[in-house]
Amino acid sequence: MTAVRIYLILAWTVLIAFTAFVIGRDGLGLLPEFFGAIRAGHWPGQFNADFLSMLALSGLWTGWRNDWSAPGWVLAVAAFLLGGAFLMAYLLVLLHREKGDMRRVLLGIHADGPAPARRWSD
């Protein structure tokens, strides 16, 4: 688990530094460029569409693991809008708070519930 924590810290630091560099150079005009690339229908747009689906998945997981409570909604929106900058920090906090128990990190409020009655392979 130490390697995961080290990776999250390093990746978050590099991402924040790179984000600050890009904002300093290009400003905050991300959305027209982001969606413009998708609209153009080339590989940069495909990458952006893939990334957008991962942002949505991150938000859905974050909200679900918090049982869509009021704080869960706030965290879900943050996960969707802030991407890796949020998710890496959030995972570090969860790893610390849950003492490395990945079941609790991934399942959140659902970790203590009953095991699912059906498996995907059934």
PDB file of N, CA and C in Angstrom:
ATOM      1  N   MET A   1       0.822  -1.191   0.000  1.00  0.00           N
ATOM      2  CA  MET A   1       0.000   0.000   0.000  1.00  0.00           C
ATOM      3  C   MET A   1       0.868   1.256   0.000  1.00  0.00           C
ATOM      4  N   THR A   2       2.077   1.136   0.505  1.00  0.00           N
ATOM      5  CA  THR A   2       2.983   2.284   0.510  1.00  0.00           C
ATOM      6  C   THR A   2       3.282   2.746  -0.907  1.00  0.00           C
ATOM      7  N   ALA A   3       3.470   1.804  -1.821  1.00  0.00           N
ATOM      8  CA  ALA A   3       3.758   2.170  -3.214  1.00  0.00           C
ATOM      9  C   ALA A   3       2.588   2.941  -3.824  1.00  0.00           C
ATOM     10  N   VAL A   4       1.368   2.551  -3.506  1.00  0.00           N
ATOM     11  CA  VAL A   4       0.192   3.260  -4.022  1.00  0.00           C
ATOM     12  C   VAL A   4       0.163   4.679  -3.479  1.00  0.00           C
ATOM     13  N   ARG A   5       0.420   4.813  -2.187  1.00  0.00           N
ATOM     14  CA  ARG A   5       0.427   6.155  -1.584  1.00  0.00           C
ATOM     15  C   ARG A   5       1.511   7.033  -2.195  1.00  0.00           C
ATOM     16  N   ILE A   6       2.695   6.471  -2.394  1.00  0.00           N
ATOM     17  CA  ILE A   6       3.791   7.233  -3.010  1.00  0.00           C
ATOM     18  C   ILE A   6       3.400   7.652  -4.422  1.00  0.00           C
ATOM     19  N   TYR A   7       2.837   6.720  -5.186  1.00  0.00           N
ATOM     20  CA  TYR A   7       2.400   7.061  -6.543  1.00  0.00           C
ATOM     21  C   TYR A   7       1.374   8.191  -6.513  1.00  0.00           C
ATOM     22  N   LEU A   8       0.358   8.084  -5.652  1.00  0.00           N
ATOM     23  CA  LEU A   8      -0.683   9.105  -5.596  1.00  0.00           C
ATOM     24  C   LEU A   8      -0.107  10.471  -5.246  1.00  0.00           C
ATOM     25  N   ILE A   9       0.823  10.511  -4.311  1.00  0.00           N
ATOM     26  CA  ILE A   9       1.444  11.784  -3.924  1.00  0.00           C
ATOM     27  C   ILE A   9       2.249  12.362  -5.079  1.00  0.00           C
ATOM     28  N   LEU A  10       3.073  11.532  -5.721  1.00  0.00           N
ATOM     29  CA  LEU A  10       3.898  12.017  -6.836  1.00  0.00           C
ATOM     30  C   LEU A  10       3.037  12.432  -8.025  1.00  0.00           C
ATOM     31  N   ALA A  11       2.079  11.604  -8.401  1.00  0.00           N
ATOM     32  CA  ALA A  11       1.224  11.913  -9.552  1.00  0.00           C
ATOM     33  C   ALA A  11       0.405  13.172  -9.295  1.00  0.00           C
ATOM     34  N   TRP A  12      -0.117  13.333  -8.085  1.00  0.00           N
ATOM     35  CA  TRP A  12      -0.892  14.527  -7.744  1.00  0.00           C
ATOM     36  C   TRP A  12      -0.017  15.770  -7.824  1.00  0.00           C
ATOM     37  N   THR A  13       1.194  15.679  -7.284  1.00  0.00           N
ATOM     38  CA  THR A  13       2.111  16.822  -7.303  1.00  0.00           C
ATOM     39  C   THR A  13       2.453  17.227  -8.732  1.00  0.00           C
ATOM     40  N   VAL A  14       2.780  16.258  -9.572  1.00  0.00           N
ATOM     41  CA  VAL A  14       3.104  16.546 -10.977  1.00  0.00           C
ATOM     42  C   VAL A  14       1.883  17.132 -11.685  1.00  0.00           C
ATOM     43  N   LEU A  15       0.708  16.560 -11.452  1.00  0.00           N
ATOM     44  CA  LEU A  15      -0.503  17.056 -12.101  1.00  0.00           C
ATOM     45  C   LEU A  15      -0.807  18.496 -11.694  1.00  0.00           C
ATOM     46  N   ILE A  16      -0.701  18.804 -10.420  1.00  0.00           N
ATOM     47  CA  ILE A  16      -0.970  20.167  -9.952  1.00  0.00           C
ATOM     48  C   ILE A  16       0.041  21.137 -10.550  1.00  0.00           C
ATOM     49  N   ALA A  17       1.316  20.753 -10.569  1.00  0.00           N
ATOM     50  CA  ALA A  17       2.348  21.625 -11.149  1.00  0.00           C
ATOM     51  C   ALA A  17       2.095  21.849 -12.638  1.00  0.00           C
ATOM     52  N   PHE A  18       1.769  20.796 -13.363  1.00  0.00           N
ATOM     53  CA  PHE A  18       1.517  20.925 -14.797  1.00  0.00           C
ATOM     54  C   PHE A  18       0.261  21.753 -15.051  1.00  0.00           C
ATOM     55  N   THR A  19      -0.770  21.546 -14.239  1.00  0.00           N
ATOM     56  CA  THR A  19      -2.001  22.326 -14.374  1.00  0.00           C
ATOM     57  C   THR A  19      -1.723  23.806 -14.146  1.00  0.00           C
ATOM     58  N   ALA A  20      -0.932  24.121 -13.130  1.00  0.00           N
ATOM     59  CA  ALA A  20      -0.577  25.522 -12.868  1.00  0.00           C
ATOM     60  C   ALA A  20       0.192  26.116 -14.042  1.00  0.00           C
ATOM     61  N   PHE A  21       1.101  25.344 -14.618  1.00  0.00           N
ATOM     62  CA  PHE A  21       1.866  25.802 -15.781  1.00  0.00           C
ATOM     63  C   PHE A  21       0.940  26.107 -16.956  1.00  0.00           C
ATOM     64  N   VAL A  22       0.021  25.188 -17.250  1.00  0.00           N
ATOM     65  CA  VAL A  22      -0.891  25.363 -18.388  1.00  0.00           C
ATOM     66  C   VAL A  22      -1.830  26.546 -18.155  1.00  0.00           C
ATOM     67  N   ILE A  23      -2.356  26.683 -16.950  1.00  0.00           N
ATOM     68  CA  ILE A  23      -3.223  27.824 -16.646  1.00  0.00           C
ATOM     69  C   ILE A  23      -2.447  29.128 -16.809  1.00  0.00           C
ATOM     70  N   GLY A  24      -1.202  29.143 -16.341  1.00  0.00           N
ATOM     71  CA  GLY A  24      -0.372  30.340 -16.488  1.00  0.00           C
ATOM     72  C   GLY A  24      -0.117  30.701 -17.942  1.00  0.00           C
ATOM     73  N   ARG A  25       0.017  29.703 -18.790  1.00  0.00           N
ATOM     74  CA  ARG A  25       0.312  29.939 -20.200  1.00  0.00           C
ATOM     75  C   ARG A  25      -0.948  30.168 -21.025  1.00  0.00           C
ATOM     76  N   ASP A  26      -1.991  29.358 -20.795  1.00  0.00           N
ATOM     77  CA  ASP A  26      -3.175  29.381 -21.660  1.00  0.00           C
ATOM     78  C   ASP A  26      -4.430  29.944 -21.001  1.00  0.00           C
ATOM     79  N   GLY A  27      -4.410  30.170 -19.704  1.00  0.00           N
ATOM     80  CA  GLY A  27      -5.609  30.638 -19.013  1.00  0.00           C
ATOM     81  C   GLY A  27      -6.559  29.495 -18.706  1.00  0.00           C
ATOM     82  N   LEU A  28      -7.791  29.866 -18.374  1.00  0.00           N
ATOM     83  CA  LEU A  28      -8.785  28.877 -17.944  1.00  0.00           C
ATOM     84  C   LEU A  28      -9.777  28.494 -19.041  1.00  0.00           C
ATOM     85  N   GLY A  29      -9.457  28.768 -20.295  1.00  0.00           N
ATOM     86  CA  GLY A  29     -10.381  28.498 -21.396  1.00  0.00           C
ATOM     87  C   GLY A  29     -10.374  27.057 -21.866  1.00  0.00           C
ATOM     88  N   LEU A  30     -10.556  26.128 -20.965  1.00  0.00           N
ATOM     89  CA  LEU A  30     -10.482  24.705 -21.295  1.00  0.00           C
ATOM     90  C   LEU A  30     -11.685  24.193 -22.077  1.00  0.00           C
ATOM     91  N   LEU A  31     -12.879  24.551 -21.658  1.00  0.00           N
ATOM     92  CA  LEU A  31     -14.083  23.901 -22.189  1.00  0.00           C
ATOM     93  C   LEU A  31     -14.259  24.039 -23.701  1.00  0.00           C
ATOM     94  N   PRO A  32     -14.106  25.224 -24.292  1.00  0.00           N
ATOM     95  CA  PRO A  32     -14.258  25.288 -25.753  1.00  0.00           C
ATOM     96  C   PRO A  32     -13.233  24.413 -26.486  1.00  0.00           C
ATOM     97  N   GLU A  33     -12.024  24.382 -25.972  1.00  0.00           N
ATOM     98  CA  GLU A  33     -10.991  23.553 -26.604  1.00  0.00           C
ATOM     99  C   GLU A  33     -11.278  22.065 -26.404  1.00  0.00           C
ATOM    100  N   PHE A  34     -11.696  21.707 -25.201  1.00  0.00           N
ATOM    101  CA  PHE A  34     -11.989  20.313 -24.867  1.00  0.00           C
ATOM    102  C   PHE A  34     -13.117  19.767 -25.744  1.00  0.00           C
ATOM    103  N   PHE A  35     -14.258  20.469 -25.741  1.00  0.00           N
ATOM    104  CA  PHE A  35     -15.402  19.991 -26.520  1.00  0.00           C
ATOM    105  C   PHE A  35     -15.215  20.219 -28.015  1.00  0.00           C
ATOM    106  N   GLY A  36     -14.422  21.226 -28.385  1.00  0.00           N
ATOM    107  CA  GLY A  36     -14.108  21.443 -29.796  1.00  0.00           C
ATOM    108  C   GLY A  36     -13.344  20.266 -30.382  1.00  0.00           C
ATOM    109  N   ALA A  37     -12.441  19.701 -29.598  1.00  0.00           N
ATOM    110  CA  ALA A  37     -11.688  18.527 -30.058  1.00  0.00           C
ATOM    111  C   ALA A  37     -12.616  17.328 -30.239  1.00  0.00           C
ATOM    112  N   ILE A  38     -13.579  17.166 -29.347  1.00  0.00           N
ATOM    113  CA  ILE A  38     -14.548  16.071 -29.497  1.00  0.00           C
ATOM    114  C   ILE A  38     -15.371  16.295 -30.765  1.00  0.00           C
ATOM    115  N   ARG A  39     -15.838  17.518 -30.942  1.00  0.00           N
ATOM    116  CA  ARG A  39     -16.659  17.848 -32.111  1.00  0.00           C
ATOM    117  C   ARG A  39     -15.899  17.615 -33.414  1.00  0.00           C
ATOM    118  N   ALA A  40     -14.582  17.847 -33.408  1.00  0.00           N
ATOM    119  CA  ALA A  40     -13.777  17.683 -34.626  1.00  0.00           C
ATOM    120  C   ALA A  40     -13.684  16.219 -35.055  1.00  0.00           C
ATOM    121  N   GLY A  41     -13.823  15.300 -34.113  1.00  0.00           N
ATOM    122  CA  GLY A  41     -13.875  13.881 -34.455  1.00  0.00           C
ATOM    123  C   GLY A  41     -12.546  13.245 -34.826  1.00  0.00           C
ATOM    124  N   HIS A  42     -11.453  13.720 -34.220  1.00  0.00           N
ATOM    125  CA  HIS A  42     -10.142  13.110 -34.448  1.00  0.00           C
ATOM    126  C   HIS A  42      -9.650  12.499 -33.134  1.00  0.00           C
ATOM    127  N   TRP A  43      -8.424  11.962 -33.142  1.00  0.00           N
ATOM    128  CA  TRP A  43      -7.906  11.278 -31.953  1.00  0.00           C
ATOM    129  C   TRP A  43      -7.896  12.139 -30.695  1.00  0.00           C
ATOM    130  N   PRO A  44      -7.515  13.418 -30.751  1.00  0.00           N
ATOM    131  CA  PRO A  44      -7.603  14.210 -29.514  1.00  0.00           C
ATOM    132  C   PRO A  44      -9.037  14.263 -28.963  1.00  0.00           C
ATOM    133  N   GLY A  45     -10.019  14.317 -29.851  1.00  0.00           N
ATOM    134  CA  GLY A  45     -11.411  14.303 -29.410  1.00  0.00           C
ATOM    135  C   GLY A  45     -11.813  12.963 -28.828  1.00  0.00           C
ATOM    136  N   GLN A  46     -11.307  11.880 -29.407  1.00  0.00           N
ATOM    137  CA  GLN A  46     -11.596  10.549 -28.860  1.00  0.00           C
ATOM    138  C   GLN A  46     -11.019  10.441 -27.457  1.00  0.00           C
ATOM    139  N   PHE A  47      -9.794  10.929 -27.274  1.00  0.00           N
ATOM    140  CA  PHE A  47      -9.173  10.901 -25.953  1.00  0.00           C
ATOM    141  C   PHE A  47     -10.002  11.720 -24.966  1.00  0.00           C
ATOM    142  N   ASN A  48     -10.457  12.896 -25.380  1.00  0.00           N
ATOM    143  CA  ASN A  48     -11.271  13.734 -24.498  1.00  0.00           C
ATOM    144  C   ASN A  48     -12.598  13.060 -24.153  1.00  0.00           C
ATOM    145  N   ALA A  49     -13.224  12.385 -25.134  1.00  0.00           N
ATOM    146  CA  ALA A  49     -14.478  11.675 -24.865  1.00  0.00           C
ATOM    147  C   ALA A  49     -14.246  10.526 -23.880  1.00  0.00           C
ATOM    148  N   ASP A  50     -13.153   9.811 -24.047  1.00  0.00           N
ATOM    149  CA  ASP A  50     -12.795   8.735 -23.127  1.00  0.00           C
ATOM    150  C   ASP A  50     -12.576   9.305 -21.727  1.00  0.00           C
ATOM    151  N   PHE A  51     -11.842  10.408 -21.648  1.00  0.00           N
ATOM    152  CA  PHE A  51     -11.570  11.058 -20.367  1.00  0.00           C
ATOM    153  C   PHE A  51     -12.872  11.532 -19.715  1.00  0.00           C
ATOM    154  N   LEU A  52     -13.780  12.083 -20.511  1.00  0.00           N
ATOM    155  CA  LEU A  52     -15.065  12.546 -19.989  1.00  0.00           C
ATOM    156  C   LEU A  52     -15.851  11.383 -19.384  1.00  0.00           C
ATOM    157  N   SER A  53     -15.800  10.217 -20.030  1.00  0.00           N
ATOM    158  CA  SER A  53     -16.496   9.050 -19.477  1.00  0.00           C
ATOM    159  C   SER A  53     -15.852   8.604 -18.166  1.00  0.00           C
ATOM    160  N   MET A  54     -14.540   8.742 -18.048  1.00  0.00           N
ATOM    161  CA  MET A  54     -13.863   8.391 -16.795  1.00  0.00           C
ATOM    162  C   MET A  54     -14.202   9.393 -15.689  1.00  0.00           C
ATOM    163  N   LEU A  55     -14.345  10.669 -16.049  1.00  0.00           N
ATOM    164  CA  LEU A  55     -14.776  11.664 -15.066  1.00  0.00           C
ATOM    165  C   LEU A  55     -16.174  11.322 -14.546  1.00  0.00           C
ATOM    166  N   ALA A  56     -17.065  10.932 -15.460  1.00  0.00           N
ATOM    167  CA  ALA A  56     -18.420  10.552 -15.057  1.00  0.00           C
ATOM    168  C   ALA A  56     -18.387   9.320 -14.148  1.00  0.00           C
ATOM    169  N   LEU A  57     -17.585   8.326 -14.504  1.00  0.00           N
ATOM    170  CA  LEU A  57     -17.461   7.124 -13.682  1.00  0.00           C
ATOM    171  C   LEU A  57     -16.919   7.466 -12.298  1.00  0.00           C
ATOM    172  N   SER A  58     -15.938   8.342 -12.237  1.00  0.00           N
ATOM    173  CA  SER A  58     -15.373   8.774 -10.965  1.00  0.00           C
ATOM    174  C   SER A  58     -16.436   9.452 -10.102  1.00  0.00           C
ATOM    175  N   GLY A  59     -17.222  10.332 -10.712  1.00  0.00           N
ATOM    176  CA  GLY A  59     -18.291  11.001  -9.976  1.00  0.00           C
ATOM    177  C   GLY A  59     -19.358  10.026  -9.503  1.00  0.00           C
ATOM    178  N   LEU A  60     -19.745   9.096 -10.363  1.00  0.00           N
ATOM    179  CA  LEU A  60     -20.757   8.104  -9.986  1.00  0.00           C
ATOM    180  C   LEU A  60     -20.271   7.217  -8.846  1.00  0.00           C
ATOM    181  N   TRP A  61     -19.022   6.769  -8.917  1.00  0.00           N
ATOM    182  CA  TRP A  61     -18.484   5.932  -7.845  1.00  0.00           C
ATOM    183  C   TRP A  61     -18.413   6.715  -6.536  1.00  0.00           C
ATOM    184  N   THR A  62     -17.933   7.947  -6.603  1.00  0.00           N
ATOM    185  CA  THR A  62     -17.785   8.755  -5.392  1.00  0.00           C
ATOM    186  C   THR A  62     -19.141   8.993  -4.732  1.00  0.00           C
ATOM    187  N   GLY A  63     -20.143   9.327  -5.524  1.00  0.00           N
ATOM    188  CA  GLY A  63     -21.476   9.521  -4.963  1.00  0.00           C
ATOM    189  C   GLY A  63     -22.042   8.234  -4.391  1.00  0.00           C
ATOM    190  N   TRP A  64     -21.875   7.125  -5.123  1.00  0.00           N
ATOM    191  CA  TRP A  64     -22.405   5.836  -4.676  1.00  0.00           C
ATOM    192  C   TRP A  64     -21.765   5.381  -3.377  1.00  0.00           C
ATOM    193  N   ARG A  65     -20.421   5.505  -3.274  1.00  0.00           N
ATOM    194  CA  ARG A  65     -19.745   5.004  -2.071  1.00  0.00           C
ATOM    195  C   ARG A  65     -20.149   5.802  -0.837  1.00  0.00           C
ATOM    196  N   ASN A  66     -20.686   7.002  -1.046  1.00  0.00           N
ATOM    197  CA  ASN A  66     -21.187   7.836   0.048  1.00  0.00           C
ATOM    198  C   ASN A  66     -22.713   7.805   0.128  1.00  0.00           C
ATOM    199  N   ASP A  67     -23.323   6.828  -0.534  1.00  0.00           N
ATOM    200  CA  ASP A  67     -24.768   6.586  -0.513  1.00  0.00           C
ATOM    201  C   ASP A  67     -25.583   7.800  -0.958  1.00  0.00           C
ATOM    202  N   TRP A  68     -25.035   8.596  -1.833  1.00  0.00           N
ATOM    203  CA  TRP A  68     -25.697   9.773  -2.388  1.00  0.00           C
ATOM    204  C   TRP A  68     -26.250  10.691  -1.304  1.00  0.00           C
ATOM    205  N   SER A  69     -25.534  10.767  -0.182  1.00  0.00           N
ATOM    206  CA  SER A  69     -25.883  11.723   0.871  1.00  0.00           C
ATOM    207  C   SER A  69     -25.536  13.127   0.370  1.00  0.00           C
ATOM    208  N   ALA A  70     -25.886  14.154   1.138  1.00  0.00           N
ATOM    209  CA  ALA A  70     -25.544  15.527   0.730  1.00  0.00           C
ATOM    210  C   ALA A  70     -24.033  15.679   0.527  1.00  0.00           C
ATOM    211  N   PRO A  71     -23.197  15.223   1.489  1.00  0.00           N
ATOM    212  CA  PRO A  71     -21.753  15.301   1.231  1.00  0.00           C
ATOM    213  C   PRO A  71     -21.333  14.433   0.044  1.00  0.00           C
ATOM    214  N   GLY A  72     -22.021  13.306  -0.153  1.00  0.00           N
ATOM    215  CA  GLY A  72     -21.722  12.437  -1.288  1.00  0.00           C
ATOM    216  C   GLY A  72     -21.948  13.139  -2.614  1.00  0.00           C
ATOM    217  N   TRP A  73     -23.029  13.919  -2.697  1.00  0.00           N
ATOM    218  CA  TRP A  73     -23.295  14.688  -3.920  1.00  0.00           C
ATOM    219  C   TRP A  73     -22.207  15.731  -4.161  1.00  0.00           C
ATOM    220  N   VAL A  74     -21.802  16.414  -3.099  1.00  0.00           N
ATOM    221  CA  VAL A  74     -20.739  17.425  -3.233  1.00  0.00           C
ATOM    222  C   VAL A  74     -19.451  16.766  -3.713  1.00  0.00           C
ATOM    223  N   LEU A  75     -19.106  15.633  -3.112  1.00  0.00           N
ATOM    224  CA  LEU A  75     -17.897  14.915  -3.517  1.00  0.00           C
ATOM    225  C   LEU A  75     -18.008  14.390  -4.944  1.00  0.00           C
ATOM    226  N   ALA A  76     -19.190  13.927  -5.342  1.00  0.00           N
ATOM    227  CA  ALA A  76     -19.388  13.421  -6.706  1.00  0.00           C
ATOM    228  C   ALA A  76     -19.188  14.528  -7.738  1.00  0.00           C
ATOM    229  N   VAL A  77     -19.736  15.695  -7.459  1.00  0.00           N
ATOM    230  CA  VAL A  77     -19.562  16.829  -8.375  1.00  0.00           C
ATOM    231  C   VAL A  77     -18.092  17.232  -8.429  1.00  0.00           C
ATOM    232  N   ALA A  78     -17.434  17.253  -7.270  1.00  0.00           N
ATOM    233  CA  ALA A  78     -16.000  17.578  -7.239  1.00  0.00           C
ATOM    234  C   ALA A  78     -15.201  16.562  -8.046  1.00  0.00           C
ATOM    235  N   ALA A  79     -15.530  15.287  -7.913  1.00  0.00           N
ATOM    236  CA  ALA A  79     -14.817  14.250  -8.664  1.00  0.00           C
ATOM    237  C   ALA A  79     -14.999  14.448 -10.163  1.00  0.00           C
ATOM    238  N   PHE A  80     -16.217  14.770 -10.582  1.00  0.00           N
ATOM    239  CA  PHE A  80     -16.483  14.965 -12.009  1.00  0.00           C
ATOM    240  C   PHE A  80     -15.773  16.208 -12.545  1.00  0.00           C
ATOM    241  N   LEU A  81     -15.823  17.297 -11.809  1.00  0.00           N
ATOM    242  CA  LEU A  81     -15.272  18.559 -12.310  1.00  0.00           C
ATOM    243  C   LEU A  81     -13.761  18.681 -12.141  1.00  0.00           C
ATOM    244  N   LEU A  82     -13.209  18.073 -11.104  1.00  0.00           N
ATOM    245  CA  LEU A  82     -11.786  18.263 -10.803  1.00  0.00           C
ATOM    246  C   LEU A  82     -10.906  17.097 -11.225  1.00  0.00           C
ATOM    247  N   GLY A  83     -11.498  15.974 -11.610  1.00  0.00           N
ATOM    248  CA  GLY A  83     -10.730  14.861 -12.155  1.00  0.00           C
ATOM    249  C   GLY A  83      -9.691  14.296 -11.204  1.00  0.00           C
ATOM    250  N   GLY A  84      -8.531  14.001 -11.777  1.00  0.00           N
ATOM    251  CA  GLY A  84      -7.459  13.365 -11.018  1.00  0.00           C
ATOM    252  C   GLY A  84      -6.971  14.187  -9.846  1.00  0.00           C
ATOM    253  N   ALA A  85      -7.013  15.500  -9.962  1.00  0.00           N
ATOM    254  CA  ALA A  85      -6.576  16.354  -8.852  1.00  0.00           C
ATOM    255  C   ALA A  85      -7.417  16.076  -7.608  1.00  0.00           C
ATOM    256  N   PHE A  86      -8.716  15.856  -7.796  1.00  0.00           N
ATOM    257  CA  PHE A  86      -9.577  15.498  -6.677  1.00  0.00           C
ATOM    258  C   PHE A  86      -9.407  14.034  -6.300  1.00  0.00           C
ATOM    259  N   LEU A  87      -9.499  13.145  -7.298  1.00  0.00           N
ATOM    260  CA  LEU A  87      -9.566  11.713  -7.017  1.00  0.00           C
ATOM    261  C   LEU A  87      -8.310  11.196  -6.322  1.00  0.00           C
ATOM    262  N   MET A  88      -7.137  11.659  -6.739  1.00  0.00           N
ATOM    263  CA  MET A  88      -5.910  11.183  -6.086  1.00  0.00           C
ATOM    264  C   MET A  88      -5.851  11.636  -4.630  1.00  0.00           C
ATOM    265  N   ALA A  89      -6.224  12.891  -4.367  1.00  0.00           N
ATOM    266  CA  ALA A  89      -6.240  13.382  -2.987  1.00  0.00           C
ATOM    267  C   ALA A  89      -7.300  12.639  -2.168  1.00  0.00           C
ATOM    268  N   TYR A  90      -8.467  12.420  -2.763  1.00  0.00           N
ATOM    269  CA  TYR A  90      -9.553  11.710  -2.084  1.00  0.00           C
ATOM    270  C   TYR A  90      -9.128  10.287  -1.723  1.00  0.00           C
ATOM    271  N   LEU A  91      -8.483   9.596  -2.652  1.00  0.00           N
ATOM    272  CA  LEU A  91      -8.014   8.237  -2.368  1.00  0.00           C
ATOM    273  C   LEU A  91      -6.963   8.224  -1.267  1.00  0.00           C
ATOM    274  N   LEU A  92      -6.080   9.212  -1.244  1.00  0.00           N
ATOM    275  CA  LEU A  92      -5.094   9.298  -0.157  1.00  0.00           C
ATOM    276  C   LEU A  92      -5.783   9.460   1.191  1.00  0.00           C
ATOM    277  N   VAL A  93      -6.777  10.334   1.245  1.00  0.00           N
ATOM    278  CA  VAL A  93      -7.526  10.536   2.489  1.00  0.00           C
ATOM    279  C   VAL A  93      -8.227   9.239   2.891  1.00  0.00           C
ATOM    280  N   LEU A  94      -8.872   8.581   1.927  1.00  0.00           N
ATOM    281  CA  LEU A  94      -9.578   7.330   2.235  1.00  0.00           C
ATOM    282  C   LEU A  94      -8.619   6.239   2.695  1.00  0.00           C
ATOM    283  N   LEU A  95      -7.470   6.114   2.031  1.00  0.00           N
ATOM    284  CA  LEU A  95      -6.488   5.102   2.434  1.00  0.00           C
ATOM    285  C   LEU A  95      -6.026   5.334   3.867  1.00  0.00           C
ATOM    286  N   HIS A  96      -5.847   6.592   4.237  1.00  0.00           N
ATOM    287  CA  HIS A  96      -5.436   6.911   5.608  1.00  0.00           C
ATOM    288  C   HIS A  96      -6.586   6.638   6.583  1.00  0.00           C
ATOM    289  N   ARG A  97      -7.764   7.146   6.253  1.00  0.00           N
ATOM    290  CA  ARG A  97      -8.910   7.018   7.154  1.00  0.00           C
ATOM    291  C   ARG A  97      -9.322   5.560   7.358  1.00  0.00           C
ATOM    292  N   GLU A  98      -9.230   4.757   6.296  1.00  0.00           N
ATOM    293  CA  GLU A  98      -9.647   3.351   6.378  1.00  0.00           C
ATOM    294  C   GLU A  98      -8.482   2.414   6.685  1.00  0.00           C
ATOM    295  N   LYS A  99      -7.331   2.982   7.023  1.00  0.00           N
ATOM    296  CA  LYS A  99      -6.136   2.216   7.405  1.00  0.00           C
ATOM    297  C   LYS A  99      -5.748   1.180   6.347  1.00  0.00           C
ATOM    298  N   GLY A 100      -5.883   1.567   5.073  1.00  0.00           N
ATOM    299  CA  GLY A 100      -5.466   0.700   3.982  1.00  0.00           C
ATOM    300  C   GLY A 100      -6.429  -0.424   3.631  1.00  0.00           C
ATOM    301  N   ASP A 101      -7.584  -0.492   4.288  1.00  0.00           N
ATOM    302  CA  ASP A 101      -8.573  -1.538   4.009  1.00  0.00           C
ATOM    303  C   ASP A 101      -9.271  -1.211   2.682  1.00  0.00           C
ATOM    304  N   MET A 102      -8.853  -1.886   1.608  1.00  0.00           N
ATOM    305  CA  MET A 102      -9.356  -1.561   0.276  1.00  0.00           C
ATOM    306  C   MET A 102     -10.851  -1.840   0.131  1.00  0.00           C
ATOM    307  N   ARG A 103     -11.360  -2.801   0.860  1.00  0.00           N
ATOM    308  CA  ARG A 103     -12.811  -3.044   0.808  1.00  0.00           C
ATOM    309  C   ARG A 103     -13.557  -1.792   1.263  1.00  0.00           C
ATOM    310  N   ARG A 104     -13.105  -1.212   2.365  1.00  0.00           N
ATOM    311  CA  ARG A 104     -13.753  -0.009   2.887  1.00  0.00           C
ATOM    312  C   ARG A 104     -13.486   1.200   1.986  1.00  0.00           C
ATOM    313  N   VAL A 105     -12.277   1.281   1.423  1.00  0.00           N
ATOM    314  CA  VAL A 105     -11.955   2.393   0.519  1.00  0.00           C
ATOM    315  C   VAL A 105     -12.885   2.357  -0.691  1.00  0.00           C
ATOM    316  N   LEU A 106     -13.035   1.193  -1.291  1.00  0.00           N
ATOM    317  CA  LEU A 106     -13.815   1.088  -2.523  1.00  0.00           C
ATOM    318  C   LEU A 106     -15.325   1.099  -2.289  1.00  0.00           C
ATOM    319  N   LEU A 107     -15.789   0.456  -1.226  1.00  0.00           N
ATOM    320  CA  LEU A 107     -17.227   0.305  -1.012  1.00  0.00           C
ATOM    321  C   LEU A 107     -17.833   1.364  -0.109  1.00  0.00           C
ATOM    322  N   GLY A 108     -17.010   2.041   0.684  1.00  0.00           N
ATOM    323  CA  GLY A 108     -17.514   3.097   1.553  1.00  0.00           C
ATOM    324  C   GLY A 108     -18.601   2.606   2.478  1.00  0.00           C
ATOM    325  N   ILE A 109     -19.730   3.286   2.460  1.00  0.00           N
ATOM    326  CA  ILE A 109     -20.843   2.965   3.343  1.00  0.00           C
ATOM    327  C   ILE A 109     -21.401   1.564   3.089  1.00  0.00           C
ATOM    328  N   HIS A 110     -21.148   1.014   1.926  1.00  0.00           N
ATOM    329  CA  HIS A 110     -21.657  -0.314   1.556  1.00  0.00           C
ATOM    330  C   HIS A 110     -20.755  -1.453   2.037  1.00  0.00           C
ATOM    331  N   ALA A 111     -19.609  -1.140   2.631  1.00  0.00           N
ATOM    332  CA  ALA A 111     -18.639  -2.169   3.022  1.00  0.00           C
ATOM    333  C   ALA A 111     -19.177  -3.098   4.105  1.00  0.00           C
ATOM    334  N   ASP A 112     -20.045  -2.601   4.965  1.00  0.00           N
ATOM    335  CA  ASP A 112     -20.557  -3.421   6.062  1.00  0.00           C
ATOM    336  C   ASP A 112     -21.844  -4.153   5.714  1.00  0.00           C
ATOM    337  N   GLY A 113     -22.365  -3.913   4.536  1.00  0.00           N
ATOM    338  CA  GLY A 113     -23.617  -4.539   4.125  1.00  0.00           C
ATOM    339  C   GLY A 113     -23.424  -6.004   3.789  1.00  0.00           C
ATOM    340  N   PRO A 114     -24.525  -6.683   3.506  1.00  0.00           N
ATOM    341  CA  PRO A 114     -24.434  -8.098   3.145  1.00  0.00           C
ATOM    342  C   PRO A 114     -23.749  -8.277   1.796  1.00  0.00           C
ATOM    343  N   ALA A 115     -23.168  -9.436   1.625  1.00  0.00           N
ATOM    344  CA  ALA A 115     -22.542  -9.758   0.338  1.00  0.00           C
ATOM    345  C   ALA A 115     -23.629  -9.835  -0.725  1.00  0.00           C
ATOM    346  N   PRO A 116     -23.299  -9.475  -1.950  1.00  0.00           N
ATOM    347  CA  PRO A 116     -24.314  -9.545  -3.008  1.00  0.00           C
ATOM    348  C   PRO A 116     -24.821 -10.970  -3.192  1.00  0.00           C
ATOM    349  N   ALA A 117     -26.111 -11.108  -3.464  1.00  0.00           N
ATOM    350  CA  ALA A 117     -26.720 -12.423  -3.633  1.00  0.00           C
ATOM    351  C   ALA A 117     -26.343 -13.048  -4.962  1.00  0.00           C
ATOM    352  N   ARG A 118     -25.979 -12.229  -5.927  1.00  0.00           N
ATOM    353  CA  ARG A 118     -25.689 -12.716  -7.271  1.00  0.00           C
ATOM    354  C   ARG A 118     -24.347 -12.190  -7.722  1.00  0.00           C
ATOM    355  N   ARG A 119     -23.603 -13.035  -8.404  1.00  0.00           N
ATOM    356  CA  ARG A 119     -22.325 -12.611  -8.976  1.00  0.00           C
ATOM    357  C   ARG A 119     -22.515 -12.346 -10.456  1.00  0.00           C
ATOM    358  N   TRP A 120     -21.593 -11.572 -11.016  1.00  0.00           N
ATOM    359  CA  TRP A 120     -21.641 -11.275 -12.451  1.00  0.00           C
ATOM    360  C   TRP A 120     -21.552 -12.553 -13.278  1.00  0.00           C
ATOM    361  N   SER A 121     -20.836 -13.545 -12.762  1.00  0.00           N
ATOM    362  CA  SER A 121     -20.636 -14.769 -13.537  1.00  0.00           C
ATOM    363  C   SER A 121     -21.833 -15.714 -13.468  1.00  0.00           C
ATOM    364  N   ASP A 122     -22.791 -15.465 -12.583  1.00  0.00           N
ATOM    365  CA  ASP A 122     -23.967 -16.348 -12.452  1.00  0.00           C
ATOM    366  C   ASP A 122     -24.928 -16.152 -13.601  1.00  0.00           C
TER     367      ASP A 122
END
